[in-house]
């Protein structure tokens, strides 16, 4: 057992620090670590990951939307901070499209939809799907990884 008792505040600080440094994958790694230690990420951590997508060069709007979808699937209600970061990452039109998925009471009517696979996967996608990568992910443990979104 570690001498450091990590709590939600510790993880938020680590995620935010990596976002400020422009390291999307490192910020995602900290969210994964948070989940592995059984600390449930809050909307603030998802907002930070979406912010990282907005400040990345090039920007990662598709990844920002997937992070938002994952947040909703995990049962976490979006906050104004999340919407502000989404506006930066996907633009006003994209945000309006996502907001149209709300019902008048303000609750979300979300149902994840499968995205069609591209006919010809990109080089990054081929590397992400490689057998060696699958072995590394399997051997690293954890139910899922936010880092996979940011692999090159």
N, C-alpha and C. Protein backbone atom coordinates (compact mmCIF):
# COMPACT_ATOMS: atom_id res chain seq x y z
N UNK A 1 0.84 -1.18 0.00
CA UNK A 1 0.00 0.00 0.00
C UNK A 1 0.88 1.25 0.00
N UNK A 2 0.46 2.25 -0.70
CA UNK A 2 1.23 3.48 -0.85
C UNK A 2 1.08 4.38 0.37
N UNK A 3 2.11 5.18 0.60
CA UNK A 3 2.04 6.16 1.69
C UNK A 3 1.10 7.30 1.31
N UNK A 4 0.79 7.43 0.02
CA UNK A 4 -0.09 8.49 -0.46
C UNK A 4 -1.49 7.92 -0.65
N UNK A 5 -2.46 8.50 0.02
CA UNK A 5 -3.85 8.12 -0.20
C UNK A 5 -4.40 9.03 -1.28
N UNK A 6 -4.53 8.49 -2.48
CA UNK A 6 -5.04 9.28 -3.60
C UNK A 6 -6.54 9.42 -3.46
N UNK A 7 -7.03 10.64 -3.64
CA UNK A 7 -8.46 10.90 -3.63
C UNK A 7 -8.83 11.62 -4.91
N UNK A 8 -10.11 11.94 -5.04
CA UNK A 8 -10.58 12.61 -6.24
C UNK A 8 -9.86 13.91 -6.52
N UNK A 9 -9.55 14.67 -5.47
CA UNK A 9 -8.85 15.94 -5.65
C UNK A 9 -7.46 15.72 -6.23
N UNK A 10 -6.76 14.72 -5.74
CA UNK A 10 -5.43 14.40 -6.26
C UNK A 10 -5.51 14.10 -7.76
N UNK A 11 -6.46 13.25 -8.15
CA UNK A 11 -6.57 12.88 -9.56
C UNK A 11 -6.97 14.07 -10.42
N UNK A 12 -7.90 14.92 -9.93
CA UNK A 12 -8.28 16.11 -10.69
C UNK A 12 -7.07 17.00 -10.94
N UNK A 13 -6.24 17.14 -9.91
CA UNK A 13 -5.04 17.97 -10.04
C UNK A 13 -4.10 17.39 -11.09
N UNK A 14 -3.91 16.08 -11.07
CA UNK A 14 -3.02 15.44 -12.05
C UNK A 14 -3.58 15.55 -13.46
N UNK A 15 -4.87 15.32 -13.62
CA UNK A 15 -5.49 15.43 -14.95
C UNK A 15 -5.34 16.86 -15.46
N UNK A 16 -5.70 17.85 -14.63
CA UNK A 16 -5.61 19.24 -15.06
C UNK A 16 -4.19 19.66 -15.40
N UNK A 17 -3.23 19.18 -14.63
CA UNK A 17 -1.83 19.50 -14.92
C UNK A 17 -1.40 18.98 -16.27
N UNK A 18 -1.79 17.78 -16.61
CA UNK A 18 -1.42 17.22 -17.92
C UNK A 18 -2.18 17.91 -19.05
N UNK A 19 -3.41 18.33 -18.80
CA UNK A 19 -4.15 19.08 -19.81
C UNK A 19 -3.44 20.40 -20.09
N UNK A 20 -3.02 21.10 -19.01
CA UNK A 20 -2.32 22.38 -19.20
C UNK A 20 -1.01 22.21 -19.96
N UNK A 21 -0.37 21.06 -19.79
CA UNK A 21 0.87 20.80 -20.51
C UNK A 21 0.61 20.33 -21.95
N UNK A 22 -0.64 20.13 -22.30
CA UNK A 22 -1.00 19.72 -23.64
C UNK A 22 -0.88 18.22 -23.89
N UNK A 23 -0.83 17.44 -22.85
CA UNK A 23 -0.67 15.99 -22.99
C UNK A 23 -2.01 15.29 -22.80
N UNK A 24 -2.72 15.12 -23.90
CA UNK A 24 -4.04 14.50 -23.88
C UNK A 24 -3.93 13.06 -23.38
N UNK A 25 -2.98 12.31 -23.90
CA UNK A 25 -2.88 10.90 -23.53
C UNK A 25 -2.52 10.72 -22.06
N UNK A 26 -1.67 11.59 -21.52
CA UNK A 26 -1.33 11.49 -20.10
C UNK A 26 -2.53 11.82 -19.22
N UNK A 27 -3.30 12.83 -19.61
CA UNK A 27 -4.51 13.16 -18.85
C UNK A 27 -5.47 11.98 -18.86
N UNK A 28 -5.62 11.34 -20.01
CA UNK A 28 -6.50 10.17 -20.11
C UNK A 28 -5.97 9.02 -19.26
N UNK A 29 -4.66 8.86 -19.21
CA UNK A 29 -4.07 7.82 -18.36
C UNK A 29 -4.44 8.03 -16.89
N UNK A 30 -4.46 9.29 -16.44
CA UNK A 30 -4.80 9.56 -15.04
C UNK A 30 -6.27 9.26 -14.77
N UNK A 31 -7.13 9.52 -15.74
CA UNK A 31 -8.55 9.17 -15.55
C UNK A 31 -8.68 7.65 -15.48
N UNK A 32 -7.94 6.93 -16.32
CA UNK A 32 -7.96 5.47 -16.25
C UNK A 32 -7.46 4.98 -14.89
N UNK A 33 -6.39 5.58 -14.39
CA UNK A 33 -5.85 5.20 -13.09
C UNK A 33 -6.88 5.47 -11.99
N UNK A 34 -7.56 6.59 -12.11
CA UNK A 34 -8.60 6.95 -11.16
C UNK A 34 -9.66 5.84 -11.10
N UNK A 35 -10.10 5.38 -12.28
CA UNK A 35 -11.12 4.33 -12.33
C UNK A 35 -10.59 3.02 -11.75
N UNK A 36 -9.33 2.70 -12.03
CA UNK A 36 -8.75 1.46 -11.50
C UNK A 36 -8.66 1.48 -9.98
N UNK A 37 -8.54 2.65 -9.39
CA UNK A 37 -8.49 2.75 -7.92
C UNK A 37 -9.88 2.92 -7.33
N UNK A 38 -10.88 2.70 -8.16
CA UNK A 38 -12.28 2.73 -7.74
C UNK A 38 -12.78 4.11 -7.31
N UNK A 39 -12.18 5.14 -7.87
CA UNK A 39 -12.69 6.50 -7.67
C UNK A 39 -13.40 6.87 -8.96
N UNK A 40 -14.68 7.13 -8.86
CA UNK A 40 -15.49 7.41 -10.05
C UNK A 40 -15.21 8.83 -10.55
N UNK A 41 -14.81 8.96 -11.82
CA UNK A 41 -14.61 10.31 -12.36
C UNK A 41 -15.91 11.10 -12.33
N UNK A 42 -15.79 12.38 -12.10
CA UNK A 42 -16.95 13.28 -12.10
C UNK A 42 -16.95 14.08 -13.40
N UNK A 43 -17.96 14.91 -13.56
CA UNK A 43 -18.05 15.74 -14.76
C UNK A 43 -16.80 16.60 -14.94
N UNK A 44 -16.16 17.00 -13.84
CA UNK A 44 -14.96 17.85 -13.93
C UNK A 44 -13.83 17.14 -14.67
N UNK A 45 -13.65 15.85 -14.44
CA UNK A 45 -12.58 15.12 -15.13
C UNK A 45 -12.90 14.99 -16.63
N UNK A 46 -14.18 14.73 -16.93
CA UNK A 46 -14.56 14.65 -18.34
C UNK A 46 -14.42 16.01 -19.02
N UNK A 47 -14.75 17.09 -18.31
CA UNK A 47 -14.57 18.43 -18.87
C UNK A 47 -13.10 18.68 -19.17
N UNK A 48 -12.23 18.23 -18.29
CA UNK A 48 -10.79 18.40 -18.53
C UNK A 48 -10.34 17.63 -19.76
N UNK A 49 -10.81 16.40 -19.92
CA UNK A 49 -10.44 15.62 -21.11
C UNK A 49 -10.96 16.29 -22.38
N UNK A 50 -12.18 16.83 -22.31
CA UNK A 50 -12.74 17.53 -23.48
C UNK A 50 -11.92 18.79 -23.76
N UNK A 51 -11.50 19.50 -22.70
CA UNK A 51 -10.65 20.68 -22.87
C UNK A 51 -9.35 20.30 -23.57
N UNK A 52 -8.79 19.15 -23.18
CA UNK A 52 -7.55 18.69 -23.81
C UNK A 52 -7.76 18.49 -25.31
N UNK A 53 -8.92 18.01 -25.70
CA UNK A 53 -9.22 17.83 -27.13
C UNK A 53 -9.32 19.18 -27.84
N UNK A 54 -9.82 20.18 -27.12
CA UNK A 54 -9.98 21.52 -27.71
C UNK A 54 -8.63 22.21 -27.92
N UNK A 55 -7.70 22.00 -27.00
CA UNK A 55 -6.40 22.69 -27.10
C UNK A 55 -5.36 21.89 -27.88
N UNK A 56 -5.67 20.62 -28.18
CA UNK A 56 -4.73 19.79 -28.94
C UNK A 56 -4.56 20.39 -30.34
N UNK A 57 -3.40 20.21 -30.90
CA UNK A 57 -3.14 20.63 -32.27
C UNK A 57 -2.69 19.44 -33.07
N UNK A 58 -3.50 18.98 -34.01
CA UNK A 58 -4.81 19.52 -34.38
C UNK A 58 -5.86 19.18 -33.33
N UNK A 59 -6.94 19.96 -33.35
CA UNK A 59 -8.02 19.69 -32.41
C UNK A 59 -8.60 18.31 -32.65
N UNK A 60 -9.22 17.76 -31.62
CA UNK A 60 -9.78 16.41 -31.69
C UNK A 60 -11.29 16.44 -31.40
N UNK A 61 -12.09 17.04 -32.31
CA UNK A 61 -13.53 17.16 -32.04
C UNK A 61 -14.24 15.82 -31.92
N UNK A 62 -13.88 14.85 -32.75
CA UNK A 62 -14.52 13.54 -32.67
C UNK A 62 -14.25 12.86 -31.34
N UNK A 63 -13.03 12.99 -30.87
CA UNK A 63 -12.67 12.41 -29.58
C UNK A 63 -13.43 13.11 -28.46
N UNK A 64 -13.58 14.44 -28.56
CA UNK A 64 -14.33 15.18 -27.55
C UNK A 64 -15.77 14.68 -27.47
N UNK A 65 -16.38 14.44 -28.62
CA UNK A 65 -17.76 13.93 -28.62
C UNK A 65 -17.82 12.53 -28.02
N UNK A 66 -16.84 11.67 -28.32
CA UNK A 66 -16.84 10.32 -27.76
C UNK A 66 -16.67 10.36 -26.24
N UNK A 67 -15.85 11.28 -25.76
CA UNK A 67 -15.67 11.42 -24.31
C UNK A 67 -16.99 11.87 -23.68
N UNK A 68 -17.67 12.81 -24.33
CA UNK A 68 -18.97 13.28 -23.85
C UNK A 68 -19.98 12.13 -23.83
N UNK A 69 -20.01 11.34 -24.90
CA UNK A 69 -20.92 10.19 -24.96
C UNK A 69 -20.61 9.19 -23.85
N UNK A 70 -19.34 8.96 -23.59
CA UNK A 70 -18.95 8.03 -22.52
C UNK A 70 -19.40 8.55 -21.17
N UNK A 71 -19.27 9.85 -20.97
CA UNK A 71 -19.71 10.46 -19.72
C UNK A 71 -21.20 10.21 -19.50
N UNK A 72 -21.99 10.42 -20.55
CA UNK A 72 -23.43 10.20 -20.44
C UNK A 72 -23.75 8.73 -20.23
N UNK A 73 -23.06 7.86 -20.93
CA UNK A 73 -23.26 6.43 -20.78
C UNK A 73 -22.94 5.99 -19.36
N UNK A 74 -21.95 6.63 -18.74
CA UNK A 74 -21.58 6.31 -17.35
C UNK A 74 -22.55 6.91 -16.34
N UNK A 75 -23.58 7.62 -16.83
CA UNK A 75 -24.59 8.17 -15.93
C UNK A 75 -24.19 9.47 -15.26
N UNK A 76 -23.23 10.17 -15.83
CA UNK A 76 -22.78 11.44 -15.27
C UNK A 76 -23.45 12.58 -16.02
N UNK A 77 -24.16 13.43 -15.30
CA UNK A 77 -24.85 14.56 -15.92
C UNK A 77 -23.86 15.64 -16.31
N UNK A 78 -24.03 16.21 -17.50
CA UNK A 78 -23.14 17.28 -17.94
C UNK A 78 -23.38 18.56 -17.13
N UNK A 79 -22.31 19.30 -16.93
CA UNK A 79 -22.38 20.59 -16.24
C UNK A 79 -22.14 21.70 -17.25
N UNK A 80 -22.33 22.93 -16.83
CA UNK A 80 -22.04 24.06 -17.72
C UNK A 80 -20.57 24.06 -18.14
N UNK A 81 -19.70 23.64 -17.24
CA UNK A 81 -18.28 23.54 -17.59
C UNK A 81 -18.07 22.57 -18.75
N UNK A 82 -18.76 21.44 -18.72
CA UNK A 82 -18.66 20.47 -19.81
C UNK A 82 -19.14 21.11 -21.11
N UNK A 83 -20.29 21.81 -21.06
CA UNK A 83 -20.80 22.45 -22.28
C UNK A 83 -19.84 23.53 -22.78
N UNK A 84 -19.24 24.29 -21.88
CA UNK A 84 -18.28 25.31 -22.30
C UNK A 84 -17.08 24.68 -23.01
N UNK A 85 -16.59 23.58 -22.47
CA UNK A 85 -15.44 22.90 -23.10
C UNK A 85 -15.85 22.28 -24.43
N UNK A 86 -17.05 21.72 -24.49
CA UNK A 86 -17.54 21.16 -25.76
C UNK A 86 -17.64 22.25 -26.83
N UNK A 87 -18.12 23.42 -26.44
CA UNK A 87 -18.23 24.54 -27.38
C UNK A 87 -16.85 24.85 -27.99
N UNK A 88 -15.82 24.81 -27.16
CA UNK A 88 -14.47 25.06 -27.66
C UNK A 88 -13.96 23.93 -28.56
N UNK A 89 -14.35 22.70 -28.22
CA UNK A 89 -13.82 21.53 -28.94
C UNK A 89 -14.57 21.23 -30.23
N UNK A 90 -15.90 21.43 -30.24
CA UNK A 90 -16.67 21.01 -31.41
C UNK A 90 -17.44 22.16 -32.06
N UNK A 91 -17.37 23.35 -31.49
CA UNK A 91 -18.04 24.50 -32.09
C UNK A 91 -19.49 24.61 -31.66
N UNK A 92 -20.05 25.74 -31.95
CA UNK A 92 -21.43 26.03 -31.55
C UNK A 92 -22.42 25.12 -32.26
N UNK A 93 -22.20 24.84 -33.55
CA UNK A 93 -23.12 23.98 -34.30
C UNK A 93 -23.11 22.56 -33.73
N UNK A 94 -21.93 22.05 -33.42
CA UNK A 94 -21.84 20.71 -32.84
C UNK A 94 -22.49 20.65 -31.47
N UNK A 95 -22.29 21.70 -30.70
CA UNK A 95 -22.91 21.76 -29.37
C UNK A 95 -24.43 21.81 -29.48
N UNK A 96 -24.95 22.59 -30.43
CA UNK A 96 -26.40 22.66 -30.63
C UNK A 96 -26.95 21.29 -31.00
N UNK A 97 -26.22 20.56 -31.84
CA UNK A 97 -26.65 19.22 -32.23
C UNK A 97 -26.72 18.31 -31.01
N UNK A 98 -25.70 18.37 -30.15
CA UNK A 98 -25.70 17.54 -28.94
C UNK A 98 -26.78 17.97 -27.97
N UNK A 99 -26.99 19.27 -27.83
CA UNK A 99 -28.02 19.76 -26.91
C UNK A 99 -29.42 19.36 -27.37
N UNK A 100 -29.60 19.11 -28.68
CA UNK A 100 -30.91 18.73 -29.17
C UNK A 100 -31.31 17.35 -28.66
N UNK A 101 -30.37 16.65 -28.06
CA UNK A 101 -30.67 15.33 -27.49
C UNK A 101 -31.26 15.44 -26.09
N UNK A 102 -31.54 16.65 -25.63
CA UNK A 102 -32.15 16.81 -24.30
C UNK A 102 -33.66 16.88 -24.44
N UNK A 103 -34.33 16.62 -23.36
CA UNK A 103 -35.77 16.79 -23.32
C UNK A 103 -36.05 18.00 -22.42
N UNK A 104 -37.21 18.59 -22.48
CA UNK A 104 -37.48 19.84 -21.76
C UNK A 104 -37.12 19.84 -20.28
N UNK A 105 -37.22 18.71 -19.61
CA UNK A 105 -36.91 18.71 -18.18
C UNK A 105 -35.42 18.90 -17.92
N UNK A 106 -34.61 18.84 -18.98
CA UNK A 106 -33.18 19.04 -18.81
C UNK A 106 -32.42 17.74 -18.67
N UNK A 107 -33.12 16.61 -18.58
CA UNK A 107 -32.41 15.34 -18.49
C UNK A 107 -32.06 14.87 -19.89
N UNK A 108 -31.10 14.01 -19.96
CA UNK A 108 -30.62 13.55 -21.26
C UNK A 108 -31.35 12.31 -21.69
N UNK A 109 -31.70 12.27 -22.96
CA UNK A 109 -32.26 11.05 -23.55
C UNK A 109 -31.18 10.47 -24.46
N UNK A 110 -30.24 9.84 -23.87
CA UNK A 110 -29.07 9.38 -24.59
C UNK A 110 -29.15 7.90 -24.88
N UNK A 111 -28.85 7.54 -26.09
CA UNK A 111 -28.69 6.13 -26.42
C UNK A 111 -27.48 6.05 -27.34
N UNK A 112 -26.40 5.45 -26.86
CA UNK A 112 -25.18 5.38 -27.68
C UNK A 112 -25.48 4.71 -29.02
N UNK A 113 -24.89 5.26 -30.06
CA UNK A 113 -25.08 4.71 -31.40
C UNK A 113 -23.73 4.23 -31.92
N UNK A 114 -23.77 3.12 -32.58
CA UNK A 114 -22.54 2.60 -33.18
C UNK A 114 -22.15 3.51 -34.34
N UNK A 115 -20.87 3.80 -34.42
CA UNK A 115 -20.35 4.58 -35.53
C UNK A 115 -19.91 3.61 -36.62
N UNK A 116 -20.27 3.87 -37.88
CA UNK A 116 -19.84 2.97 -38.94
C UNK A 116 -18.32 3.00 -39.09
N UNK A 117 -17.76 1.85 -39.37
CA UNK A 117 -16.32 1.76 -39.58
C UNK A 117 -15.97 2.37 -40.93
N UNK A 118 -14.86 3.09 -41.03
CA UNK A 118 -14.45 3.62 -42.33
C UNK A 118 -14.04 2.48 -43.25
N UNK A 119 -14.25 2.68 -44.55
CA UNK A 119 -13.92 1.64 -45.52
C UNK A 119 -12.43 1.31 -45.48
N UNK A 120 -11.58 2.31 -45.44
CA UNK A 120 -10.14 2.13 -45.39
C UNK A 120 -9.63 2.74 -44.09
N UNK A 121 -9.24 1.92 -43.10
CA UNK A 121 -8.75 2.49 -41.84
C UNK A 121 -7.46 3.29 -42.06
N UNK A 122 -7.31 4.33 -41.28
CA UNK A 122 -6.10 5.15 -41.35
C UNK A 122 -4.92 4.38 -40.78
N UNK A 123 -3.72 4.91 -40.99
CA UNK A 123 -2.52 4.27 -40.45
C UNK A 123 -2.60 4.19 -38.93
N UNK A 124 -3.10 5.25 -38.29
CA UNK A 124 -3.23 5.25 -36.83
C UNK A 124 -4.20 4.17 -36.38
N UNK A 125 -5.30 3.99 -37.13
CA UNK A 125 -6.27 2.96 -36.78
C UNK A 125 -5.68 1.57 -36.94
N UNK A 126 -4.91 1.35 -38.00
CA UNK A 126 -4.27 0.05 -38.20
C UNK A 126 -3.31 -0.26 -37.06
N UNK A 127 -2.54 0.74 -36.62
CA UNK A 127 -1.62 0.52 -35.49
C UNK A 127 -2.40 0.24 -34.21
N UNK A 128 -3.52 0.98 -34.02
CA UNK A 128 -4.32 0.79 -32.81
C UNK A 128 -4.90 -0.62 -32.74
N UNK A 129 -5.22 -1.18 -33.89
CA UNK A 129 -5.81 -2.52 -33.95
C UNK A 129 -4.78 -3.63 -34.01
N UNK A 130 -3.51 -3.29 -34.02
CA UNK A 130 -2.48 -4.31 -34.20
C UNK A 130 -2.51 -5.34 -33.07
N UNK A 131 -2.14 -6.59 -33.37
CA UNK A 131 -2.11 -7.62 -32.32
C UNK A 131 -1.20 -7.24 -31.15
N UNK A 132 -0.05 -6.61 -31.42
CA UNK A 132 0.86 -6.21 -30.35
C UNK A 132 0.19 -5.20 -29.43
N UNK A 133 -0.55 -4.26 -29.99
CA UNK A 133 -1.24 -3.25 -29.18
C UNK A 133 -2.31 -3.91 -28.31
N UNK A 134 -3.06 -4.86 -28.90
CA UNK A 134 -4.08 -5.55 -28.11
C UNK A 134 -3.45 -6.29 -26.94
N UNK A 135 -2.28 -6.92 -27.17
CA UNK A 135 -1.60 -7.62 -26.08
C UNK A 135 -1.18 -6.64 -25.00
N UNK A 136 -0.63 -5.49 -25.39
CA UNK A 136 -0.22 -4.49 -24.40
C UNK A 136 -1.41 -4.00 -23.60
N UNK A 137 -2.54 -3.74 -24.25
CA UNK A 137 -3.73 -3.28 -23.54
C UNK A 137 -4.25 -4.36 -22.61
N UNK A 138 -4.24 -5.61 -23.08
CA UNK A 138 -4.72 -6.72 -22.25
C UNK A 138 -3.83 -6.87 -21.04
N UNK A 139 -2.52 -6.76 -21.23
CA UNK A 139 -1.57 -6.97 -20.14
C UNK A 139 -1.53 -5.79 -19.17
N UNK A 140 -2.01 -4.62 -19.59
CA UNK A 140 -1.96 -3.44 -18.72
C UNK A 140 -3.08 -3.44 -17.69
N UNK A 141 -4.08 -4.28 -17.89
CA UNK A 141 -5.19 -4.35 -16.93
C UNK A 141 -6.18 -3.23 -17.13
N UNK A 142 -7.21 -3.25 -16.34
CA UNK A 142 -8.24 -2.21 -16.41
C UNK A 142 -9.31 -2.55 -17.43
N UNK A 143 -10.55 -2.13 -17.17
CA UNK A 143 -11.66 -2.48 -18.03
C UNK A 143 -11.66 -1.74 -19.36
N UNK A 144 -11.12 -0.54 -19.39
CA UNK A 144 -11.07 0.22 -20.64
C UNK A 144 -10.01 1.28 -20.51
N UNK A 145 -9.66 1.87 -21.60
CA UNK A 145 -8.62 2.88 -21.56
C UNK A 145 -9.04 4.10 -22.35
N UNK A 146 -8.99 5.26 -21.73
CA UNK A 146 -9.26 6.51 -22.43
C UNK A 146 -8.09 6.82 -23.36
N UNK A 147 -6.90 6.29 -23.06
CA UNK A 147 -5.71 6.58 -23.84
C UNK A 147 -5.84 6.10 -25.28
N UNK A 148 -6.58 5.04 -25.54
CA UNK A 148 -6.68 4.50 -26.88
C UNK A 148 -7.16 5.54 -27.88
N UNK A 149 -7.93 6.50 -27.44
CA UNK A 149 -8.44 7.55 -28.33
C UNK A 149 -7.32 8.44 -28.86
N UNK A 150 -6.18 8.47 -28.16
CA UNK A 150 -5.16 9.45 -28.49
C UNK A 150 -3.91 8.84 -29.07
N UNK A 151 -3.94 7.57 -29.40
CA UNK A 151 -2.77 6.89 -29.95
C UNK A 151 -2.54 7.36 -31.36
N UNK A 152 -1.29 7.36 -31.73
CA UNK A 152 -0.97 7.77 -33.10
C UNK A 152 -0.45 6.63 -33.89
